[in-house]
Amino acid sequence: MQTESYTLADQAEDRLSEFREDFGGDGQFEVGIVQGVHAISDVCGIFFGPEATDDGLNTMLRHRLGEVVDQLGWRGALEEEVNGLYSELPIGGLFHDLHAYADYGVYAGIATDAEVRRGRISEMIEQASEFLRLIPVDGWGLEETQTVDIARKAIARWRLEQGDPITGPDLVLLSGKAEQTVRNELSKKKDGLAGNWKEVPASAALAWLETKSFLASIWQHQDDTEVLEQVNEPLTDVRFVPIAMDGSMFHPGLKKDGVYLLGGEGRERAVEDFDEALSILATMDIPTWRRPTSGGIWTRVRGNTKEFRRIERQDLEAMAKADTS
C-alpha cells in the first residue's frame, strides 16, 4: 500500500522501472524495423540494382553494427543483432522512447524541466508522424507490427493531451480492448461513448479510458532533480561511464572470470582494470561490453554513443555490490 508521500514523480519513476524491466517482453518493434530495411532494399534494388543496394546497406549498417556486417552481410547482421537494434540504430532509440511514452505516459530520457520534456516528446511525435507518412505500411507488410502500433499509439496519446479528437482505431490501441468492444461503446444510445468511429472528442475518450487499464500521462511530473544535481554539482572521485539504451551502465561488477569483456564480435578484448576498460570504451565508435542477463547468460550490450554519465566511484562500487549480491 502506497503512503501519502507517494508522489506523481515517484509513480513516474516506478513506471520507468517497469518499462525497462519489461522492455522487449511483449513483442519486438525491432522486427518491424528489419522488415522495413528489407523493403527499402527491394525498392533500391529496382532503382540502383541489387549489387549497388547491398553495397550501400553494408556501408550504412557497418557504421552501426561493426564487423558483424563484414562477417554476415547486412541481412545476416540484422538477424543476428535484432534484439539490440534499439540501442544500435537511431530509429531503434526513437521507438524505444516512443514505447515508454505510448504505453506508460512517461519520458525515457533526462530533461531539466517539464517544458524541455514537452519539447522532446513533441519532436518524437513529429518523427513518428513522418515515419508513418513516408512508409507505405500496407505495401511493406508492416500493418500488424508493434512498430506501427507504437507510432500510432504515441501520436494518439499526444493528440489527447493537446485536446484534439482521436479515432476509434486509436481508442482500440490506447485501451487494449477489442475493436468490437469500442464499436459497441460508440453505438450505445444511453451512457455510451460520445462520438463515432471516425472521430471521438478528447474529453470523452479520456473519461472512457480512465475506466480501463490506460495509464494517464504523468511525464509532466517526472523529477530528474537528483540526476541533474549529480551532473551539476562538483564531484570528487568521478568516472565517465557509458550508458546503454535501457538505462543500465558499465560498472566495476561486470567482470567475467576476472576480466571485463569489451568490443564486438571478432574484436573482443579482455581487460582486468576498470579504468583501463573505461578508456577503451571511450575510444569505440559504439561502446560495447558484456554483462550477465537475469538468467546468468553473458551477452553483449551496446552503449548510447551520445551518453557517458559522470558517476562517483563510490556509487559505481555500490552498483557492483548490488549486482553481485
Protein backbone atom coordinates (compact mmCIF):
# COMPACT_ATOMS: atom_id res chain seq x y z
CA MET A 1 0.00 0.00 0.00
CA GLN A 2 1.37 3.39 -1.00
CA THR A 3 1.76 6.13 1.62
CA GLU A 4 0.50 9.70 1.29
CA SER A 5 4.04 10.79 0.39
CA TYR A 6 3.96 8.70 -2.78
CA THR A 7 4.05 11.43 -5.43
CA LEU A 8 3.45 11.52 -9.15
CA ALA A 9 7.21 11.81 -9.56
CA ASP A 10 7.58 8.56 -7.61
CA GLN A 11 4.91 6.98 -9.79
CA ALA A 12 6.74 8.10 -12.93
CA GLU A 13 9.97 6.54 -11.65
CA ASP A 14 8.15 3.28 -10.92
CA ARG A 15 6.66 3.26 -14.42
CA LEU A 16 10.09 3.83 -15.95
CA SER A 17 11.48 0.94 -13.92
CA GLU A 18 8.63 -1.30 -15.03
CA PHE A 19 9.15 -0.27 -18.65
CA ARG A 20 12.85 -1.07 -18.51
CA GLU A 21 12.26 -4.42 -16.82
CA ASP A 22 9.55 -5.47 -19.27
CA PHE A 23 11.13 -3.97 -22.38
CA GLY A 24 11.12 -6.49 -25.21
CA GLY A 25 8.98 -8.99 -23.34
CA ASP A 26 5.66 -8.23 -25.06
CA GLY A 27 6.90 -8.22 -28.63
CA GLN A 28 9.70 -6.63 -30.59
CA PHE A 29 9.31 -3.45 -32.56
CA GLU A 30 12.77 -4.24 -33.94
CA VAL A 31 11.17 -6.91 -36.14
CA GLY A 32 9.24 -4.19 -37.94
CA ILE A 33 12.43 -2.19 -38.38
CA VAL A 34 14.13 -5.17 -40.01
CA GLN A 35 11.13 -5.67 -42.31
CA GLY A 36 11.36 -2.02 -43.26
CA VAL A 37 15.05 -2.28 -44.16
CA HIS A 38 14.31 -5.31 -46.35
CA ALA A 39 11.56 -3.35 -48.09
CA ILE A 40 13.97 -0.43 -48.63
CA SER A 41 16.38 -2.92 -50.18
CA ASP A 42 13.69 -4.12 -52.58
CA VAL A 43 12.89 -0.55 -53.68
CA CYS A 44 16.54 0.45 -54.01
CA GLY A 45 17.22 -2.75 -55.95
CA ILE A 46 14.79 -1.55 -58.62
CA PHE A 47 16.39 1.91 -58.75
CA PHE A 48 20.07 1.04 -58.48
CA GLY A 49 20.38 -2.73 -58.88
CA PRO A 50 20.88 -5.42 -56.21
CA GLU A 51 24.68 -5.21 -56.07
CA ALA A 52 24.80 -1.45 -55.53
CA THR A 53 22.00 -1.72 -52.99
CA ASP A 54 23.84 -4.37 -50.98
CA ASP A 55 27.00 -2.26 -51.05
CA GLY A 56 25.09 0.75 -49.74
CA LEU A 57 23.30 -1.09 -46.96
CA ASN A 58 26.50 -2.86 -45.93
CA THR A 59 28.21 0.52 -45.63
CA MET A 60 25.41 2.13 -43.62
CA LEU A 61 24.96 -0.78 -41.23
CA ARG A 62 28.69 -1.37 -40.81
CA HIS A 63 28.83 2.10 -39.28
CA ARG A 64 26.41 0.89 -36.59
CA LEU A 65 26.95 -2.86 -36.28
CA GLY A 66 30.65 -3.06 -36.99
CA GLU A 67 32.45 -6.20 -38.12
CA VAL A 68 29.39 -8.44 -37.86
CA VAL A 69 28.34 -6.89 -41.19
CA ASP A 70 31.65 -7.94 -42.77
CA GLN A 71 31.11 -11.47 -41.49
CA LEU A 72 27.41 -11.94 -42.24
CA GLY A 73 26.40 -9.16 -44.64
CA TRP A 74 23.69 -6.65 -43.78
CA ARG A 75 20.89 -9.23 -43.86
CA GLY A 76 22.68 -11.63 -41.54
CA ALA A 77 23.79 -8.80 -39.27
CA LEU A 78 20.22 -7.56 -38.81
CA GLU A 79 19.06 -11.07 -38.00
CA GLU A 80 21.94 -11.62 -35.58
CA GLU A 81 21.56 -8.28 -33.79
CA VAL A 82 17.77 -7.82 -33.94
CA ASN A 83 17.31 -7.81 -30.17
CA GLY A 84 19.80 -4.98 -29.76
CA LEU A 85 18.72 -2.68 -32.57
CA TYR A 86 17.01 -0.39 -30.05
CA SER A 87 20.48 0.68 -28.90
CA GLU A 88 22.29 0.47 -32.23
CA LEU A 89 20.17 2.39 -34.75
CA PRO A 90 18.75 5.91 -34.38
CA ILE A 91 15.29 4.61 -35.28
CA GLY A 92 15.69 2.00 -32.54
CA GLY A 93 16.35 4.70 -29.96
CA LEU A 94 13.36 6.67 -31.24
CA PHE A 95 10.99 3.73 -30.89
CA HIS A 96 12.43 2.79 -27.50
CA ASP A 97 11.42 6.24 -26.20
CA LEU A 98 8.12 6.25 -28.09
CA HIS A 99 7.31 2.92 -26.47
CA ALA A 100 7.79 4.35 -22.95
CA TYR A 101 5.60 7.33 -23.78
CA ALA A 102 2.88 5.43 -25.67
CA ASP A 103 2.34 2.70 -23.06
CA TYR A 104 3.43 4.30 -19.80
CA GLY A 105 2.90 8.03 -20.32
CA VAL A 106 6.48 8.86 -19.31
CA TYR A 107 9.61 10.20 -20.98
CA ALA A 108 12.55 7.79 -21.01
CA GLY A 109 15.27 10.44 -21.25
CA ILE A 110 16.51 13.12 -18.85
CA ALA A 111 15.35 16.72 -19.10
CA THR A 112 15.89 19.81 -16.97
CA ASP A 113 12.17 20.55 -16.59
CA ALA A 114 8.70 19.78 -17.91
CA GLU A 115 8.95 22.24 -20.79
CA VAL A 116 12.12 20.66 -22.11
CA ARG A 117 10.45 17.27 -21.72
CA ARG A 118 7.42 18.53 -23.64
CA GLY A 119 9.64 19.76 -26.47
CA ARG A 120 11.45 16.44 -26.77
CA ILE A 121 8.23 14.44 -26.77
CA SER A 122 6.85 16.79 -29.43
CA GLU A 123 9.93 16.11 -31.58
CA MET A 124 9.44 12.36 -31.13
CA ILE A 125 5.82 12.66 -32.25
CA GLU A 126 6.87 14.63 -35.33
CA GLN A 127 9.35 11.89 -36.24
CA ALA A 128 6.74 9.18 -35.67
CA SER A 129 4.28 11.05 -37.89
CA GLU A 130 6.90 11.44 -40.60
CA PHE A 131 7.70 7.72 -40.34
CA LEU A 132 4.06 6.82 -40.98
CA ARG A 133 3.75 9.42 -43.74
CA LEU A 134 6.77 8.23 -45.69
CA ILE A 135 6.35 4.48 -45.34
CA PRO A 136 3.65 2.53 -47.24
CA VAL A 137 2.65 0.48 -44.21
CA ASP A 138 0.34 -1.91 -46.06
CA GLY A 139 2.64 -2.36 -49.05
CA TRP A 140 5.60 -3.17 -46.84
CA GLY A 141 3.67 -5.64 -44.68
CA LEU A 142 4.04 -3.54 -41.52
CA GLU A 143 0.35 -3.11 -40.69
CA GLU A 144 0.36 -5.73 -37.91
CA THR A 145 3.77 -4.91 -36.44
CA GLN A 146 4.38 -3.49 -33.00
CA THR A 147 6.49 -0.81 -34.68
CA VAL A 148 3.49 0.79 -36.36
CA ASP A 149 1.27 0.25 -33.31
CA ILE A 150 3.72 2.14 -31.09
CA ALA A 151 3.93 5.06 -33.51
CA ARG A 152 0.15 5.31 -33.83
CA LYS A 153 -0.44 4.91 -30.10
CA ALA A 154 2.10 7.62 -29.22
CA ILE A 155 0.55 10.01 -31.73
CA ALA A 156 -2.94 9.29 -30.37
CA ARG A 157 -1.81 9.92 -26.78
CA TRP A 158 -0.25 13.21 -27.83
CA ARG A 159 -3.44 14.29 -29.62
CA LEU A 160 -5.45 13.65 -26.46
CA GLU A 161 -3.01 15.77 -24.47
CA GLN A 162 -3.50 18.60 -26.94
CA GLY A 163 -7.29 18.28 -26.64
CA ASP A 164 -7.66 17.04 -30.23
CA PRO A 165 -10.12 14.29 -31.20
CA ILE A 166 -8.92 10.78 -31.96
CA THR A 167 -10.42 7.86 -33.89
CA GLY A 168 -11.96 4.52 -32.98
CA PRO A 169 -8.79 2.64 -34.03
CA ASP A 170 -6.81 4.99 -31.76
CA LEU A 171 -9.05 4.03 -28.85
CA VAL A 172 -8.52 0.35 -29.58
CA LEU A 173 -4.76 0.85 -29.33
CA LEU A 174 -4.85 3.04 -26.22
CA SER A 175 -7.34 0.91 -24.30
CA GLY A 176 -6.12 -2.53 -25.34
CA LYS A 177 -9.75 -3.51 -25.91
CA ALA A 178 -11.10 -5.39 -28.92
CA GLU A 179 -12.37 -3.37 -31.87
CA GLN A 180 -15.92 -4.65 -31.37
CA THR A 181 -15.88 -3.51 -27.73
CA VAL A 182 -15.06 0.04 -28.79
CA ARG A 183 -17.64 -0.04 -31.58
CA ASN A 184 -20.29 -1.21 -29.09
CA GLU A 185 -19.47 1.66 -26.74
CA LEU A 186 -19.73 4.18 -29.55
CA SER A 187 -23.08 2.78 -30.73
CA LYS A 188 -24.80 2.86 -27.32
CA LYS A 189 -27.71 5.28 -27.25
CA LYS A 190 -27.59 5.66 -23.46
CA ASP A 191 -24.46 6.09 -21.34
CA GLY A 192 -22.34 5.30 -24.35
CA LEU A 193 -19.12 6.83 -25.58
CA ALA A 194 -19.67 10.14 -27.35
CA GLY A 195 -18.50 10.36 -30.93
CA ASN A 196 -18.22 7.89 -33.78
CA TRP A 197 -15.65 5.55 -35.30
CA LYS A 198 -14.02 8.37 -37.27
CA GLU A 199 -13.93 10.99 -34.50
CA VAL A 200 -14.10 10.81 -30.71
CA PRO A 201 -13.75 14.04 -28.68
CA ALA A 202 -10.68 14.11 -26.45
CA SER A 203 -12.69 14.71 -23.26
CA ALA A 204 -14.98 11.73 -23.95
CA ALA A 205 -12.07 9.49 -24.91
CA LEU A 206 -10.09 10.34 -21.77
CA ALA A 207 -13.09 9.84 -19.49
CA TRP A 208 -13.71 6.40 -21.00
CA LEU A 209 -10.04 5.42 -20.92
CA GLU A 210 -9.87 6.27 -17.20
CA THR A 211 -12.20 3.30 -16.58
CA LYS A 212 -9.84 0.95 -18.43
CA SER A 213 -6.22 -0.10 -17.91
CA PHE A 214 -4.96 3.02 -19.68
CA LEU A 215 -2.18 4.84 -17.79
CA ALA A 216 -2.71 8.59 -17.86
CA SER A 217 0.34 10.64 -18.85
CA ILE A 218 2.49 11.82 -15.95
CA TRP A 219 5.63 12.87 -17.82
CA GLN A 220 4.84 16.44 -16.75
CA HIS A 221 5.55 15.42 -13.15
CA GLN A 222 8.76 13.48 -13.63
CA ASP A 223 11.53 14.61 -11.35
CA ASP A 224 15.08 14.49 -12.70
CA THR A 225 16.38 16.72 -9.89
CA GLU A 226 18.57 14.08 -8.28
CA VAL A 227 20.21 13.13 -11.56
CA LEU A 228 20.67 16.74 -12.60
CA GLU A 229 22.22 17.59 -9.23
CA GLN A 230 24.77 14.85 -9.85
CA VAL A 231 25.56 16.40 -13.22
CA ASN A 232 25.77 20.00 -11.98
CA GLU A 233 27.43 19.60 -8.58
CA PRO A 234 31.21 19.29 -8.28
CA LEU A 235 32.19 15.68 -7.65
CA THR A 236 35.34 14.23 -6.14
CA ASP A 237 36.44 10.83 -7.46
CA VAL A 238 34.41 10.54 -10.69
CA ARG A 239 34.31 8.34 -13.77
CA PHE A 240 32.54 8.84 -17.09
CA VAL A 241 30.72 5.61 -17.87
CA PRO A 242 28.79 4.55 -21.00
CA ILE A 243 25.02 4.14 -20.71
CA ALA A 244 23.01 1.57 -22.66
CA MET A 245 19.66 2.45 -24.19
CA ASP A 246 17.84 0.53 -21.45
CA GLY A 247 19.39 2.83 -18.85
CA SER A 248 21.93 0.35 -17.47
CA MET A 249 25.58 1.33 -17.28
CA PHE A 250 29.05 -0.15 -17.31
CA HIS A 251 30.32 -0.62 -13.73
CA PRO A 252 33.04 -2.49 -11.78
CA GLY A 253 30.81 -5.51 -11.11
CA LEU A 254 30.79 -6.68 -14.72
CA LYS A 255 33.88 -8.87 -14.61
CA LYS A 256 33.60 -12.37 -16.04
CA ASP A 257 36.29 -14.73 -14.81
CA GLY A 258 38.25 -11.76 -13.52
CA VAL A 259 38.15 -9.60 -16.67
CA TYR A 260 35.92 -7.11 -18.47
CA LEU A 261 34.99 -8.23 -21.98
CA LEU A 262 34.87 -5.27 -24.36
CA GLY A 263 34.16 -4.90 -28.08
CA GLY A 264 32.08 -6.55 -30.74
CA GLU A 265 32.17 -9.93 -32.41
CA GLY A 266 35.66 -10.83 -33.64
CA ARG A 267 37.37 -7.94 -31.85
CA GLU A 268 36.58 -8.59 -28.20
CA ARG A 269 39.24 -7.67 -25.65
CA ALA A 270 39.73 -8.89 -22.08
CA VAL A 271 40.80 -6.16 -19.63
CA GLU A 272 41.43 -6.54 -15.90
CA ASP A 273 41.49 -2.90 -14.77
CA PHE A 274 38.22 -0.92 -14.62
CA ASP A 275 39.77 2.45 -15.51
CA GLU A 276 41.59 0.94 -18.47
CA ALA A 277 38.30 -0.59 -19.58
CA LEU A 278 36.61 2.83 -19.43
CA SER A 279 39.39 4.36 -21.53
CA ILE A 280 38.95 1.68 -24.18
CA LEU A 281 35.16 2.06 -24.24
CA ALA A 282 35.53 5.83 -24.67
CA THR A 283 37.51 5.32 -27.90
CA MET A 284 34.97 2.97 -29.51
CA ASP A 285 32.56 4.22 -32.17
CA ILE A 286 29.91 2.21 -30.30
CA PRO A 287 30.92 1.27 -26.73
CA THR A 288 30.29 -2.47 -26.36
CA TRP A 289 30.68 -4.68 -23.33
CA ARG A 290 29.38 -7.94 -21.88
CA ARG A 291 27.01 -8.17 -18.95
CA PRO A 292 25.01 -11.04 -17.44
CA THR A 293 21.27 -11.40 -18.00
CA SER A 294 18.94 -12.29 -15.13
CA GLY A 295 19.46 -15.91 -16.20
CA GLY A 296 23.24 -15.62 -15.89
CA ILE A 297 24.00 -15.58 -19.62
CA TRP A 298 26.71 -13.10 -20.61
CA THR A 299 25.54 -11.09 -23.60
CA ARG A 300 26.84 -8.01 -25.36
CA VAL A 301 25.23 -4.63 -24.82
CA ARG A 302 25.93 -1.51 -26.83
CA GLY A 303 26.06 1.91 -25.29
CA ASN A 304 24.41 5.07 -26.48
CA THR A 305 27.22 6.89 -28.27
CA LYS A 306 25.78 10.23 -27.13
CA GLU A 307 25.70 9.45 -23.42
CA PHE A 308 28.53 8.98 -20.98
CA ARG A 309 27.35 9.73 -17.45
CA ARG A 310 29.53 11.24 -14.73
CA ILE A 311 29.34 8.96 -11.67
CA GLU A 312 31.29 8.96 -8.42
CA ARG A 313 33.49 5.92 -7.92
CA GLN A 314 31.79 5.05 -4.62
CA ASP A 315 28.40 4.92 -6.38
CA LEU A 316 29.84 2.63 -9.04
CA GLU A 317 31.19 0.34 -6.34
CA ALA A 318 27.74 0.27 -4.74
CA MET A 319 26.18 -0.75 -8.07
CA ALA A 320 28.75 -3.52 -8.42
CA LYS A 321 27.93 -4.89 -4.97
CA ALA A 322 24.18 -4.73 -5.65
CA ASP A 323 24.56 -6.64 -8.94
CA THR A 324 26.73 -9.34 -7.47
CA SER A 325 24.83 -9.85 -4.22
